[in-house]
Amino acid sequence: MLLGVGGVGKTTFAYRLMGLSIRPTVTLRPGIYRIYVADKEINLIDVPGQYVFEVVQNFARMWSFYVDKAVYMYDVLDYQTLRSLVEIHSGLLDRGIKPFKRLAIVGNKMDLAREFGIQVEADEIAGSLGAQEIYYISALKDDPRQLLKIIL
C-alpha cells in the first residue's frame, strides 16, 4: 500500500516496479498493480489523493483488507510532504484503521536533493509513527531491483 500526498512519486514508483516507462498523471482512482517476484505475488495498492483529507478518505472508502506492509512516501525536498504523513497516519487511526503490520517511510526524489544539496530526513517522524524501515530513493533513476526491496 502506497500512501502520501500528491506529487511525491507514488505512481512513478509503482510504474518503475512494473517496468512501465509511461509518464504518470494525477491518480484519480486506486491503482492495484500485481508484481511477481520469484514465487511471491505482491499486490501494490496506489491510493489516490492530492491532500491529506483525500488520501485518508479514499483509503477509508476502499479499506476492506489487511496488508503486510504500508509504504508512506514523501518528497525529500518538501518538509510539508513529510509532515503530511503524520496527518495521514493520525487520520487513519482516528477512523479506527491500522490496516498494516509493517511500515516503511520512503523519501523520494534523492536525485534532485543531491543536485540542490538539501534533504529532509525522516528519522524523527519515522520513529513517532512506529516505522521499522526508512529508505531514501529516486523513483525515476534508481535501479528497479533496488526499489523492489522496499516492498518486500
Protein backbone atom coordinates (compact mmCIF):
# COMPACT_ATOMS: atom_id res chain seq x y z
CA MET A 1 0.00 0.00 0.00
CA LEU A 2 1.43 3.38 -1.06
CA LEU A 3 0.26 6.44 0.87
CA GLY A 4 1.31 10.07 0.69
CA VAL A 5 0.04 13.38 -0.66
CA GLY A 6 0.05 14.19 -4.37
CA GLY A 7 3.26 14.72 -6.28
CA VAL A 8 5.62 12.71 -4.07
CA GLY A 9 6.16 9.95 -6.64
CA LYS A 10 3.94 7.05 -5.54
CA THR A 11 2.67 6.25 -9.03
CA THR A 12 6.12 6.75 -10.56
CA PHE A 13 7.47 4.27 -8.00
CA ALA A 14 4.73 1.74 -8.88
CA TYR A 15 5.32 2.16 -12.62
CA ARG A 16 9.08 1.64 -12.22
CA LEU A 17 8.46 -1.57 -10.27
CA MET A 18 6.16 -2.75 -13.06
CA GLY A 19 8.73 -1.90 -15.73
CA LEU A 20 6.48 0.72 -17.33
CA SER A 21 8.02 3.77 -18.95
CA ILE A 22 4.86 5.84 -19.29
CA ARG A 23 4.66 9.19 -17.54
CA PRO A 24 2.15 9.12 -14.67
CA THR A 25 -0.67 11.62 -14.37
CA VAL A 26 -2.68 12.59 -11.30
CA THR A 27 -4.02 9.40 -9.71
CA LEU A 28 -7.81 9.67 -9.55
CA ARG A 29 -8.69 6.05 -8.75
CA PRO A 30 -6.87 3.42 -6.74
CA GLY A 31 -4.23 1.64 -8.76
CA ILE A 32 -3.72 -2.01 -7.97
CA TYR A 33 -0.59 -3.46 -9.50
CA ARG A 34 0.30 -7.15 -9.34
CA ILE A 35 4.01 -7.96 -9.27
CA TYR A 36 5.53 -11.44 -9.24
CA VAL A 37 8.89 -11.85 -7.53
CA ALA A 38 10.32 -15.37 -7.51
CA ASP A 39 7.45 -17.38 -6.01
CA LYS A 40 5.69 -14.40 -4.39
CA GLU A 41 2.69 -12.48 -5.64
CA ILE A 42 2.67 -8.86 -4.47
CA ASN A 43 -0.34 -6.59 -4.86
CA LEU A 44 0.74 -2.96 -4.72
CA ILE A 45 -2.08 -0.50 -3.98
CA ASP A 46 -1.60 3.13 -5.02
CA VAL A 47 -4.13 5.19 -3.03
CA PRO A 48 -5.27 8.39 -4.81
CA GLY A 49 -5.43 11.84 -3.25
CA GLN A 50 -3.66 15.16 -3.55
CA TYR A 51 -4.28 16.29 0.02
CA VAL A 52 -4.25 14.57 3.42
CA PHE A 53 -8.05 14.57 3.76
CA GLU A 54 -8.48 12.98 0.31
CA VAL A 55 -5.88 10.29 0.95
CA VAL A 56 -7.47 9.32 4.27
CA GLN A 57 -11.00 9.44 2.86
CA ASN A 58 -10.11 7.43 -0.26
CA PHE A 59 -8.33 4.76 1.73
CA ALA A 60 -11.14 4.56 4.31
CA ARG A 61 -13.68 4.06 1.50
CA MET A 62 -11.79 1.20 -0.09
CA TRP A 63 -10.45 -0.39 3.09
CA SER A 64 -11.76 -3.91 3.50
CA PHE A 65 -8.46 -5.75 3.66
CA TYR A 66 -5.30 -6.09 5.70
CA VAL A 67 -1.90 -5.60 4.13
CA ASP A 68 1.51 -6.79 5.23
CA LYS A 69 3.30 -3.52 4.62
CA ALA A 70 2.44 0.14 4.18
CA VAL A 71 4.82 2.48 2.39
CA TYR A 72 4.41 6.13 3.36
CA MET A 73 6.14 8.29 0.75
CA TYR A 74 7.25 11.92 0.88
CA ASP A 75 9.35 14.34 -1.18
CA VAL A 76 12.81 14.86 0.41
CA LEU A 77 12.78 18.46 -0.83
CA ASP A 78 9.50 19.37 0.88
CA TYR A 79 9.07 19.13 4.66
CA GLN A 80 5.29 19.55 4.39
CA THR A 81 5.00 16.26 2.49
CA LEU A 82 6.81 14.52 5.37
CA ARG A 83 4.61 16.26 7.93
CA SER A 84 1.54 15.16 5.96
CA LEU A 85 2.44 11.53 6.71
CA VAL A 86 1.79 12.20 10.40
CA GLU A 87 -1.59 13.69 9.49
CA ILE A 88 -2.46 10.76 7.22
CA HIS A 89 -1.46 8.28 9.93
CA SER A 90 -3.49 10.16 12.56
CA GLY A 91 -6.45 10.41 10.21
CA LEU A 92 -6.45 6.65 9.67
CA LEU A 93 -6.11 5.92 13.39
CA ASP A 94 -8.93 8.39 14.16
CA ARG A 95 -11.16 6.29 11.90
CA GLY A 96 -10.05 3.09 13.65
CA ILE A 97 -7.93 1.99 10.70
CA LYS A 98 -4.49 0.45 11.11
CA PRO A 99 -4.50 -1.90 8.16
CA PHE A 100 -0.85 -2.94 8.11
CA LYS A 101 1.67 -4.99 10.06
CA ARG A 102 4.83 -3.18 8.95
CA LEU A 103 5.53 0.42 7.99
CA ALA A 104 8.28 1.89 5.82
CA ILE A 105 8.91 5.59 5.26
CA VAL A 106 10.31 6.44 1.83
CA GLY A 107 11.89 9.76 0.98
CA ASN A 108 11.75 10.16 -2.79
CA LYS A 109 13.48 12.50 -5.27
CA MET A 110 17.01 11.97 -3.96
CA ASP A 111 18.37 12.76 -7.43
CA LEU A 112 17.06 16.32 -7.01
CA ALA A 113 18.18 16.51 -3.38
CA ARG A 114 21.75 15.73 -4.43
CA GLU A 115 21.54 18.32 -7.19
CA PHE A 116 20.24 21.06 -4.87
CA GLY A 117 22.19 19.99 -1.80
CA ILE A 118 19.20 19.73 0.55
CA GLN A 119 17.32 16.82 2.06
CA VAL A 120 14.56 16.50 4.63
CA GLU A 121 15.30 13.40 6.72
CA ALA A 122 12.57 11.25 8.23
CA ASP A 123 14.24 9.70 11.28
CA GLU A 124 12.29 11.53 13.97
CA ILE A 125 8.88 11.27 12.31
CA ALA A 126 9.50 7.64 11.33
CA GLY A 127 10.16 6.85 14.98
CA SER A 128 7.00 8.61 16.13
CA LEU A 129 4.92 6.65 13.57
CA GLY A 130 6.48 3.33 14.54
CA ALA A 131 8.11 2.76 11.14
CA GLN A 132 10.52 -0.15 11.04
CA GLU A 133 12.29 0.97 7.85
CA ILE A 134 13.41 4.22 6.22
CA TYR A 135 14.56 4.49 2.60
CA TYR A 136 15.85 7.39 0.52
CA ILE A 137 15.39 6.85 -3.21
CA SER A 138 14.95 8.32 -6.65
CA ALA A 139 11.93 6.52 -8.10
CA LEU A 140 12.89 7.87 -11.53
CA LYS A 141 16.57 6.94 -11.54
CA ASP A 142 17.26 4.10 -9.11
CA ASP A 143 17.51 0.51 -10.32
CA PRO A 144 14.05 -1.12 -10.08
CA ARG A 145 15.67 -4.18 -8.46
CA GLN A 146 16.81 -1.94 -5.61
CA LEU A 147 13.38 -0.30 -5.38
CA LEU A 148 11.79 -3.73 -5.09
CA LYS A 149 13.46 -4.25 -1.70
CA ILE A 150 11.20 -1.53 -0.27
CA ILE A 151 8.01 -3.51 -0.79
CA LEU A 152 9.33 -6.92 0.25
